[in-house]
Amino acid sequence: MHVIEPGRLPRMRDATVYAYRMPEETFELEDRFWISAVTVQALERRALGDLLALHADARIELRIASGLLGLWDAVVASTLDFSGIRLRNATLAS
């Protein structure tokens, strides 16, 4: 499941997001992220297209919810696996 704030929906609809294919040799798994200690050049860059359609096609539930920080407290207290890498952009709305 992915959750975004209402104000982010237009940005999600209008965004151009790219996927980069990178050479595997220098990347190592650290926590849940693949990291390279050296600079690499992408092998390929591809626009992903309609992000809402990609969610639907992949059967990823997308929720629109205000007050992500309150929801985040519940997620962290749960047994769910989670990522909150962009929470610094969350608003304080409830």
PDB file of N, CA and C in Angstrom:
ATOM      1  N   MET A   1       0.831  -1.161   0.000  1.00  0.00           N
ATOM      2  CA  MET A   1       0.000   0.000   0.000  1.00  0.00           C
ATOM      3  C   MET A   1       0.887   1.240   0.000  1.00  0.00           C
ATOM      4  N   HIS A   2       0.478   2.235  -0.762  1.00  0.00           N
ATOM      5  CA  HIS A   2       1.129   3.543  -0.752  1.00  0.00           C
ATOM      6  C   HIS A   2       0.104   4.564  -0.290  1.00  0.00           C
ATOM      7  N   VAL A   3       0.550   5.545   0.487  1.00  0.00           N
ATOM      8  CA  VAL A   3      -0.341   6.586   0.997  1.00  0.00           C
ATOM      9  C   VAL A   3       0.287   7.943   0.697  1.00  0.00           C
ATOM     10  N   ILE A   4      -0.529   8.851   0.140  1.00  0.00           N
ATOM     11  CA  ILE A   4      -0.066  10.214  -0.117  1.00  0.00           C
ATOM     12  C   ILE A   4      -1.093  11.193   0.427  1.00  0.00           C
ATOM     13  N   GLU A   5      -0.662  12.426   0.612  1.00  0.00           N
ATOM     14  CA  GLU A   5      -1.564  13.481   1.050  1.00  0.00           C
ATOM     15  C   GLU A   5      -2.345  14.022  -0.144  1.00  0.00           C
ATOM     16  N   PRO A   6      -3.546  14.579   0.097  1.00  0.00           N
ATOM     17  CA  PRO A   6      -4.376  15.076  -1.005  1.00  0.00           C
ATOM     18  C   PRO A   6      -3.650  16.083  -1.910  1.00  0.00           C
ATOM     19  N   GLY A   7      -2.855  16.951  -1.320  1.00  0.00           N
ATOM     20  CA  GLY A   7      -2.139  17.961  -2.104  1.00  0.00           C
ATOM     21  C   GLY A   7      -1.093  17.391  -3.042  1.00  0.00           C
ATOM     22  N   ARG A   8      -0.698  16.146  -2.829  1.00  0.00           N
ATOM     23  CA  ARG A   8       0.326  15.506  -3.665  1.00  0.00           C
ATOM     24  C   ARG A   8      -0.261  14.810  -4.894  1.00  0.00           C
ATOM     25  N   LEU A   9      -1.572  14.593  -4.912  1.00  0.00           N
ATOM     26  CA  LEU A   9      -2.178  13.870  -6.024  1.00  0.00           C
ATOM     27  C   LEU A   9      -1.968  14.560  -7.371  1.00  0.00           C
ATOM     28  N   PRO A  10      -2.185  15.881  -7.499  1.00  0.00           N
ATOM     29  CA  PRO A  10      -1.911  16.521  -8.791  1.00  0.00           C
ATOM     30  C   PRO A  10      -0.450  16.374  -9.221  1.00  0.00           C
ATOM     31  N   ARG A  11       0.452  16.455  -8.272  1.00  0.00           N
ATOM     32  CA  ARG A  11       1.871  16.296  -8.602  1.00  0.00           C
ATOM     33  C   ARG A  11       2.167  14.882  -9.081  1.00  0.00           C
ATOM     34  N   MET A  12       1.509  13.913  -8.462  1.00  0.00           N
ATOM     35  CA  MET A  12       1.700  12.523  -8.881  1.00  0.00           C
ATOM     36  C   MET A  12       1.154  12.307 -10.289  1.00  0.00           C
ATOM     37  N   ARG A  13       0.014  12.919 -10.582  1.00  0.00           N
ATOM     38  CA  ARG A  13      -0.574  12.793 -11.918  1.00  0.00           C
ATOM     39  C   ARG A  13       0.300  13.428 -12.992  1.00  0.00           C
ATOM     40  N   ASP A  14       0.943  14.560 -12.656  1.00  0.00           N
ATOM     41  CA  ASP A  14       1.688  15.345 -13.644  1.00  0.00           C
ATOM     42  C   ASP A  14       3.175  15.018 -13.712  1.00  0.00           C
ATOM     43  N   ALA A  15       3.683  14.270 -12.756  1.00  0.00           N
ATOM     44  CA  ALA A  15       5.133  14.035 -12.663  1.00  0.00           C
ATOM     45  C   ALA A  15       5.638  13.134 -13.790  1.00  0.00           C
ATOM     46  N   THR A  16       6.836  13.422 -14.226  1.00  0.00           N
ATOM     47  CA  THR A  16       7.561  12.497 -15.089  1.00  0.00           C
ATOM     48  C   THR A  16       8.638  11.855 -14.217  1.00  0.00           C
ATOM     49  N   VAL A  17       8.486  10.561 -13.994  1.00  0.00           N
ATOM     50  CA  VAL A  17       9.422   9.813 -13.152  1.00  0.00           C
ATOM     51  C   VAL A  17      10.187   8.847 -14.051  1.00  0.00           C
ATOM     52  N   TYR A  18      11.481   8.751 -13.819  1.00  0.00           N
ATOM     53  CA  TYR A  18      12.337   7.899 -14.632  1.00  0.00           C
ATOM     54  C   TYR A  18      12.873   6.731 -13.821  1.00  0.00           C
ATOM     55  N   ALA A  19      13.012   5.603 -14.467  1.00  0.00           N
ATOM     56  CA  ALA A  19      13.704   4.450 -13.898  1.00  0.00           C
ATOM     57  C   ALA A  19      15.072   4.376 -14.571  1.00  0.00           C
ATOM     58  N   TYR A  20      16.083   4.182 -13.775  1.00  0.00           N
ATOM     59  CA  TYR A  20      17.444   4.078 -14.295  1.00  0.00           C
ATOM     60  C   TYR A  20      17.942   2.654 -14.100  1.00  0.00           C
ATOM     61  N   ARG A  21      18.490   2.069 -15.147  1.00  0.00           N
ATOM     62  CA  ARG A  21      19.142   0.760 -15.031  1.00  0.00           C
ATOM     63  C   ARG A  21      20.627   1.030 -14.841  1.00  0.00           C
ATOM     64  N   MET A  22      21.170   0.469 -13.768  1.00  0.00           N
ATOM     65  CA  MET A  22      22.556   0.736 -13.395  1.00  0.00           C
ATOM     66  C   MET A  22      23.399  -0.530 -13.523  1.00  0.00           C
ATOM     67  N   PRO A  23      24.705  -0.373 -13.721  1.00  0.00           N
ATOM     68  CA  PRO A  23      25.580  -1.546 -13.725  1.00  0.00           C
ATOM     69  C   PRO A  23      25.617  -2.151 -12.320  1.00  0.00           C
ATOM     70  N   GLU A  24      25.545  -3.447 -12.222  1.00  0.00           N
ATOM     71  CA  GLU A  24      25.412  -4.116 -10.924  1.00  0.00           C
ATOM     72  C   GLU A  24      26.704  -4.238 -10.129  1.00  0.00           C
ATOM     73  N   GLU A  25      27.841  -4.195 -10.789  1.00  0.00           N
ATOM     74  CA  GLU A  25      29.111  -4.599 -10.178  1.00  0.00           C
ATOM     75  C   GLU A  25      29.452  -3.906  -8.862  1.00  0.00           C
ATOM     76  N   THR A  26      29.178  -2.609  -8.723  1.00  0.00           N
ATOM     77  CA  THR A  26      29.655  -1.887  -7.540  1.00  0.00           C
ATOM     78  C   THR A  26      28.576  -1.697  -6.467  1.00  0.00           C
ATOM     79  N   PHE A  27      27.377  -2.222  -6.695  1.00  0.00           N
ATOM     80  CA  PHE A  27      26.290  -2.015  -5.741  1.00  0.00           C
ATOM     81  C   PHE A  27      26.246  -3.109  -4.685  1.00  0.00           C
ATOM     82  N   GLU A  28      25.971  -2.681  -3.439  1.00  0.00           N
ATOM     83  CA  GLU A  28      25.825  -3.602  -2.321  1.00  0.00           C
ATOM     84  C   GLU A  28      24.537  -3.265  -1.586  1.00  0.00           C
ATOM     85  N   LEU A  29      23.877  -4.288  -1.072  1.00  0.00           N
ATOM     86  CA  LEU A  29      22.640  -4.095  -0.330  1.00  0.00           C
ATOM     87  C   LEU A  29      22.950  -3.605   1.076  1.00  0.00           C
ATOM     88  N   GLU A  30      22.391  -2.459   1.430  1.00  0.00           N
ATOM     89  CA  GLU A  30      22.548  -1.909   2.770  1.00  0.00           C
ATOM     90  C   GLU A  30      21.148  -1.619   3.290  1.00  0.00           C
ATOM     91  N   ASP A  31      20.737  -2.343   4.310  1.00  0.00           N
ATOM     92  CA  ASP A  31      19.365  -2.305   4.805  1.00  0.00           C
ATOM     93  C   ASP A  31      18.467  -2.727   3.641  1.00  0.00           C
ATOM     94  N   ARG A  32      17.613  -1.850   3.134  1.00  0.00           N
ATOM     95  CA  ARG A  32      16.756  -2.195   1.993  1.00  0.00           C
ATOM     96  C   ARG A  32      17.145  -1.434   0.733  1.00  0.00           C
ATOM     97  N   PHE A  33      18.315  -0.840   0.725  1.00  0.00           N
ATOM     98  CA  PHE A  33      18.724   0.012  -0.382  1.00  0.00           C
ATOM     99  C   PHE A  33      19.996  -0.533  -1.028  1.00  0.00           C
ATOM    100  N   TRP A  34      20.072  -0.424  -2.351  1.00  0.00           N
ATOM    101  CA  TRP A  34      21.283  -0.797  -3.080  1.00  0.00           C
ATOM    102  C   TRP A  34      22.127   0.460  -3.237  1.00  0.00           C
ATOM    103  N   ILE A  35      23.366   0.405  -2.762  1.00  0.00           N
ATOM    104  CA  ILE A  35      24.237   1.574  -2.709  1.00  0.00           C
ATOM    105  C   ILE A  35      25.567   1.257  -3.374  1.00  0.00           C
ATOM    106  N   SER A  36      26.071   2.233  -4.146  1.00  0.00           N
ATOM    107  CA  SER A  36      27.397   2.112  -4.745  1.00  0.00           C
ATOM    108  C   SER A  36      28.309   3.144  -4.085  1.00  0.00           C
ATOM    109  N   ALA A  37      29.480   2.718  -3.704  1.00  0.00           N
ATOM    110  CA  ALA A  37      30.441   3.623  -3.081  1.00  0.00           C
ATOM    111  C   ALA A  37      31.169   4.480  -4.119  1.00  0.00           C
ATOM    112  N   VAL A  38      30.993   4.146  -5.387  1.00  0.00           N
ATOM    113  CA  VAL A  38      31.644   4.906  -6.462  1.00  0.00           C
ATOM    114  C   VAL A  38      30.587   5.439  -7.419  1.00  0.00           C
ATOM    115  N   THR A  39      30.925   6.493  -8.116  1.00  0.00           N
ATOM    116  CA  THR A  39      30.030   7.075  -9.109  1.00  0.00           C
ATOM    117  C   THR A  39      29.896   6.122 -10.288  1.00  0.00           C
ATOM    118  N   VAL A  40      28.667   5.950 -10.758  1.00  0.00           N
ATOM    119  CA  VAL A  40      28.412   5.086 -11.911  1.00  0.00           C
ATOM    120  C   VAL A  40      27.589   5.846 -12.938  1.00  0.00           C
ATOM    121  N   GLN A  41      27.645   5.404 -14.154  1.00  0.00           N
ATOM    122  CA  GLN A  41      26.831   5.964 -15.238  1.00  0.00           C
ATOM    123  C   GLN A  41      25.672   5.010 -15.502  1.00  0.00           C
ATOM    124  N   ALA A  42      24.476   5.562 -15.629  1.00  0.00           N
ATOM    125  CA  ALA A  42      23.302   4.745 -15.920  1.00  0.00           C
ATOM    126  C   ALA A  42      23.455   4.078 -17.282  1.00  0.00           C
ATOM    127  N   LEU A  43      23.001   2.836 -17.360  1.00  0.00           N
ATOM    128  CA  LEU A  43      23.004   2.114 -18.624  1.00  0.00           C
ATOM    129  C   LEU A  43      21.773   2.461 -19.465  1.00  0.00           C
ATOM    130  N   GLU A  44      20.707   2.855 -18.775  1.00  0.00           N
ATOM    131  CA  GLU A  44      19.456   3.148 -19.461  1.00  0.00           C
ATOM    132  C   GLU A  44      18.611   4.059 -18.572  1.00  0.00           C
ATOM    133  N   ARG A  45      17.842   4.954 -19.201  1.00  0.00           N
ATOM    134  CA  ARG A  45      16.864   5.782 -18.496  1.00  0.00           C
ATOM    135  C   ARG A  45      15.545   5.654 -19.237  1.00  0.00           C
ATOM    136  N   ARG A  46      14.475   5.339 -18.475  1.00  0.00           N
ATOM    137  CA  ARG A  46      13.168   5.118 -19.104  1.00  0.00           C
ATOM    138  C   ARG A  46      12.088   5.832 -18.302  1.00  0.00           C
ATOM    139  N   ALA A  47      11.263   6.639 -19.002  1.00  0.00           N
ATOM    140  CA  ALA A  47      10.128   7.293 -18.353  1.00  0.00           C
ATOM    141  C   ALA A  47       9.103   6.226 -17.979  1.00  0.00           C
ATOM    142  N   LEU A  48       8.568   6.312 -16.766  1.00  0.00           N
ATOM    143  CA  LEU A  48       7.637   5.294 -16.288  1.00  0.00           C
ATOM    144  C   LEU A  48       6.212   5.508 -16.783  1.00  0.00           C
ATOM    145  N   GLY A  49       5.847   6.728 -17.135  1.00  0.00           N
ATOM    146  CA  GLY A  49       4.492   6.982 -17.623  1.00  0.00           C
ATOM    147  C   GLY A  49       3.528   7.292 -16.502  1.00  0.00           C
ATOM    148  N   ASP A  50       2.272   6.940 -16.682  1.00  0.00           N
ATOM    149  CA  ASP A  50       1.175   7.257 -15.775  1.00  0.00           C
ATOM    150  C   ASP A  50       1.329   6.497 -14.458  1.00  0.00           C
ATOM    151  N   LEU A  51       1.689   7.201 -13.388  1.00  0.00           N
ATOM    152  CA  LEU A  51       1.950   6.555 -12.107  1.00  0.00           C
ATOM    153  C   LEU A  51       0.687   5.956 -11.489  1.00  0.00           C
ATOM    154  N   LEU A  52      -0.463   6.597 -11.677  1.00  0.00           N
ATOM    155  CA  LEU A  52      -1.709   6.035 -11.145  1.00  0.00           C
ATOM    156  C   LEU A  52      -2.054   4.728 -11.856  1.00  0.00           C
ATOM    157  N   ALA A  53      -1.879   4.699 -13.168  1.00  0.00           N
ATOM    158  CA  ALA A  53      -2.147   3.470 -13.923  1.00  0.00           C
ATOM    159  C   ALA A  53      -1.163   2.372 -13.533  1.00  0.00           C
ATOM    160  N   LEU A  54       0.080   2.727 -13.302  1.00  0.00           N
ATOM    161  CA  LEU A  54       1.071   1.728 -12.885  1.00  0.00           C
ATOM    162  C   LEU A  54       0.704   1.119 -11.536  1.00  0.00           C
ATOM    163  N   HIS A  55       0.206   1.937 -10.619  1.00  0.00           N
ATOM    164  CA  HIS A  55      -0.265   1.403  -9.334  1.00  0.00           C
ATOM    165  C   HIS A  55      -1.398   0.415  -9.555  1.00  0.00           C
ATOM    166  N   ALA A  56      -2.369   0.814 -10.369  1.00  0.00           N
ATOM    167  CA  ALA A  56      -3.523  -0.060 -10.627  1.00  0.00           C
ATOM    168  C   ALA A  56      -3.076  -1.354 -11.294  1.00  0.00           C
ATOM    169  N   ASP A  57      -2.220  -1.249 -12.309  1.00  0.00           N
ATOM    170  CA  ASP A  57      -1.745  -2.439 -13.022  1.00  0.00           C
ATOM    171  C   ASP A  57      -0.992  -3.396 -12.099  1.00  0.00           C
ATOM    172  N   ALA A  58      -0.250  -2.843 -11.151  1.00  0.00           N
ATOM    173  CA  ALA A  58       0.533  -3.665 -10.225  1.00  0.00           C
ATOM    174  C   ALA A  58      -0.279  -4.074  -8.994  1.00  0.00           C
ATOM    175  N   ARG A  59      -1.524  -3.652  -8.954  1.00  0.00           N
ATOM    176  CA  ARG A  59      -2.415  -3.946  -7.827  1.00  0.00           C
ATOM    177  C   ARG A  59      -1.857  -3.424  -6.501  1.00  0.00           C
ATOM    178  N   ILE A  60      -1.241  -2.242  -6.577  1.00  0.00           N
ATOM    179  CA  ILE A  60      -0.767  -1.552  -5.380  1.00  0.00           C
ATOM    180  C   ILE A  60      -1.856  -0.580  -4.962  1.00  0.00           C
ATOM    181  N   GLU A  61      -2.353  -0.754  -3.765  1.00  0.00           N
ATOM    182  CA  GLU A  61      -3.391   0.134  -3.261  1.00  0.00           C
ATOM    183  C   GLU A  61      -2.779   1.502  -2.987  1.00  0.00           C
ATOM    184  N   LEU A  62      -3.421   2.544  -3.521  1.00  0.00           N
ATOM    185  CA  LEU A  62      -2.981   3.918  -3.292  1.00  0.00           C
ATOM    186  C   LEU A  62      -4.063   4.623  -2.494  1.00  0.00           C
ATOM    187  N   ARG A  63      -3.707   5.088  -1.317  1.00  0.00           N
ATOM    188  CA  ARG A  63      -4.660   5.807  -0.466  1.00  0.00           C
ATOM    189  C   ARG A  63      -4.282   7.277  -0.405  1.00  0.00           C
ATOM    190  N   ILE A  64      -5.312   8.097  -0.347  1.00  0.00           N
ATOM    191  CA  ILE A  64      -5.134   9.532  -0.179  1.00  0.00           C
ATOM    192  C   ILE A  64      -5.577   9.841   1.248  1.00  0.00           C
ATOM    193  N   ALA A  65      -4.664  10.339   2.071  1.00  0.00           N
ATOM    194  CA  ALA A  65      -4.989  10.566   3.483  1.00  0.00           C
ATOM    195  C   ALA A  65      -4.271  11.801   4.000  1.00  0.00           C
ATOM    196  N   SER A  66      -4.994  12.601   4.757  1.00  0.00           N
ATOM    197  CA  SER A  66      -4.341  13.733   5.421  1.00  0.00           C
ATOM    198  C   SER A  66      -3.695  13.217   6.707  1.00  0.00           C
ATOM    199  N   GLY A  67      -2.797  13.994   7.240  1.00  0.00           N
ATOM    200  CA  GLY A  67      -2.171  13.625   8.499  1.00  0.00           C
ATOM    201  C   GLY A  67      -1.291  12.393   8.430  1.00  0.00           C
ATOM    202  N   LEU A  68      -0.383  12.360   7.479  1.00  0.00           N
ATOM    203  CA  LEU A  68       0.494  11.195   7.343  1.00  0.00           C
ATOM    204  C   LEU A  68       1.346  10.942   8.579  1.00  0.00           C
ATOM    205  N   LEU A  69       1.689  11.992   9.288  1.00  0.00           N
ATOM    206  CA  LEU A  69       2.574  11.793  10.441  1.00  0.00           C
ATOM    207  C   LEU A  69       1.883  10.992  11.537  1.00  0.00           C
ATOM    208  N   GLY A  70       0.587  11.199  11.751  1.00  0.00           N
ATOM    209  CA  GLY A  70      -0.158  10.388  12.712  1.00  0.00           C
ATOM    210  C   GLY A  70      -0.263   8.947  12.250  1.00  0.00           C
ATOM    211  N   LEU A  71      -0.513   8.746  10.962  1.00  0.00           N
ATOM    212  CA  LEU A  71      -0.552   7.403  10.389  1.00  0.00           C
ATOM    213  C   LEU A  71       0.818   6.738  10.528  1.00  0.00           C
ATOM    214  N   TRP A  72       1.852   7.498  10.332  1.00  0.00           N
ATOM    215  CA  TRP A  72       3.211   6.973  10.427  1.00  0.00           C
ATOM    216  C   TRP A  72       3.498   6.404  11.811  1.00  0.00           C
ATOM    217  N   ASP A  73       3.040   7.088  12.840  1.00  0.00           N
ATOM    218  CA  ASP A  73       3.234   6.582  14.206  1.00  0.00           C
ATOM    219  C   ASP A  73       2.617   5.191  14.364  1.00  0.00           C
ATOM    220  N   ALA A  74       1.425   4.994  13.782  1.00  0.00           N
ATOM    221  CA  ALA A  74       0.758   3.682  13.859  1.00  0.00           C
ATOM    222  C   ALA A  74       1.520   2.630  13.065  1.00  0.00           C
ATOM    223  N   VAL A  75       2.054   2.999  11.914  1.00  0.00           N
ATOM    224  CA  VAL A  75       2.803   2.052  11.082  1.00  0.00           C
ATOM    225  C   VAL A  75       4.073   1.601  11.806  1.00  0.00           C
ATOM    226  N   VAL A  76       4.805   2.550  12.361  1.00  0.00           N
ATOM    227  CA  VAL A  76       6.052   2.227  13.067  1.00  0.00           C
ATOM    228  C   VAL A  76       5.774   1.326  14.268  1.00  0.00           C
ATOM    229  N   ALA A  77       4.648   1.521  14.931  1.00  0.00           N
ATOM    230  CA  ALA A  77       4.299   0.707  16.099  1.00  0.00           C
ATOM    231  C   ALA A  77       3.773  -0.673  15.712  1.00  0.00           C
ATOM    232  N   SER A  78       3.533  -0.897  14.426  1.00  0.00           N
ATOM    233  CA  SER A  78       2.981  -2.171  13.965  1.00  0.00           C
ATOM    234  C   SER A  78       4.094  -3.157  13.609  1.00  0.00           C
ATOM    235  N   THR A  79       3.684  -4.293  13.080  1.00  0.00           N
ATOM    236  CA  THR A  79       4.648  -5.296  12.612  1.00  0.00           C
ATOM    237  C   THR A  79       4.864  -5.211  11.104  1.00  0.00           C
ATOM    238  N   LEU A  80       4.322  -4.172  10.454  1.00  0.00           N
ATOM    239  CA  LEU A  80       4.452  -4.019   9.006  1.00  0.00           C
ATOM    240  C   LEU A  80       5.867  -3.632   8.613  1.00  0.00           C
ATOM    241  N   ASP A  81       6.292  -4.079   7.448  1.00  0.00           N
ATOM    242  CA  ASP A  81       7.533  -3.591   6.862  1.00  0.00           C
ATOM    243  C   ASP A  81       7.183  -2.254   6.212  1.00  0.00           C
ATOM    244  N   PHE A  82       8.040  -1.257   6.334  1.00  0.00           N
ATOM    245  CA  PHE A  82       7.661   0.070   5.872  1.00  0.00           C
ATOM    246  C   PHE A  82       8.855   0.860   5.384  1.00  0.00           C
ATOM    247  N   SER A  83       8.550   1.909   4.641  1.00  0.00           N
ATOM    248  CA  SER A  83       9.538   2.895   4.240  1.00  0.00           C
ATOM    249  C   SER A  83       8.882   4.256   4.312  1.00  0.00           C
ATOM    250  N   GLY A  84       9.540   5.201   4.893  1.00  0.00           N
ATOM    251  CA  GLY A  84       9.028   6.562   4.996  1.00  0.00           C
ATOM    252  C   GLY A  84      10.037   7.559   4.480  1.00  0.00           C
ATOM    253  N   ILE A  85      10.692   7.209   3.392  1.00  0.00           N
ATOM    254  CA  ILE A  85      11.819   7.986   2.897  1.00  0.00           C
ATOM    255  C   ILE A  85      11.451   9.427   2.542  1.00  0.00           C
ATOM    256  N   ARG A  86      10.202   9.697   2.167  1.00  0.00           N
ATOM    257  CA  ARG A  86       9.808  11.052   1.779  1.00  0.00           C
ATOM    258  C   ARG A  86       8.959  11.757   2.834  1.00  0.00           C
ATOM    259  N   LEU A  87       8.915  11.267   4.051  1.00  0.00           N
ATOM    260  CA  LEU A  87       8.083  11.864   5.088  1.00  0.00           C
ATOM    261  C   LEU A  87       8.506  13.274   5.464  1.00  0.00           C
ATOM    262  N   ARG A  88       9.701  13.655   5.146  1.00  0.00           N
ATOM    263  CA  ARG A  88      10.120  15.035   5.465  1.00  0.00           C
ATOM    264  C   ARG A  88       9.252  16.054   4.730  1.00  0.00           C
ATOM    265  N   ASN A  89       8.545  15.609   3.670  1.00  0.00           N
ATOM    266  CA  ASN A  89       7.657  16.493   2.920  1.00  0.00           C
ATOM    267  C   ASN A  89       6.234  16.482   3.444  1.00  0.00           C
ATOM    268  N   ALA A  90       5.931  15.687   4.453  1.00  0.00           N
ATOM    269  CA  ALA A  90       4.559  15.592   4.972  1.00  0.00           C
ATOM    270  C   ALA A  90       4.152  16.885   5.664  1.00  0.00           C
ATOM    271  N   THR A  91       2.864  17.191   5.573  1.00  0.00           N
ATOM    272  CA  THR A  91       2.338  18.357   6.277  1.00  0.00           C
ATOM    273  C   THR A  91       1.886  17.947   7.670  1.00  0.00           C
ATOM    274  N   LEU A  92       1.592  18.921   8.489  1.00  0.00           N
ATOM    275  CA  LEU A  92       1.164  18.643   9.859  1.00  0.00           C
ATOM    276  C   LEU A  92      -0.355  18.563   9.963  1.00  0.00           C
ATOM    277  N   ALA A  93      -1.075  18.584   8.827  1.00  0.00           N
ATOM    278  CA  ALA A  93      -2.543  18.539   8.849  1.00  0.00           C
ATOM    279  C   ALA A  93      -3.016  17.240   9.476  1.00  0.00           C
ATOM    280  N   SER A  94      -4.176  17.290  10.074  1.00  0.00           N
ATOM    281  CA  SER A  94      -4.737  16.069  10.671  1.00  0.00           C
ATOM    282  C   SER A  94      -6.029  15.699   9.993  1.00  0.00           C
TER     283      SER A  94
END
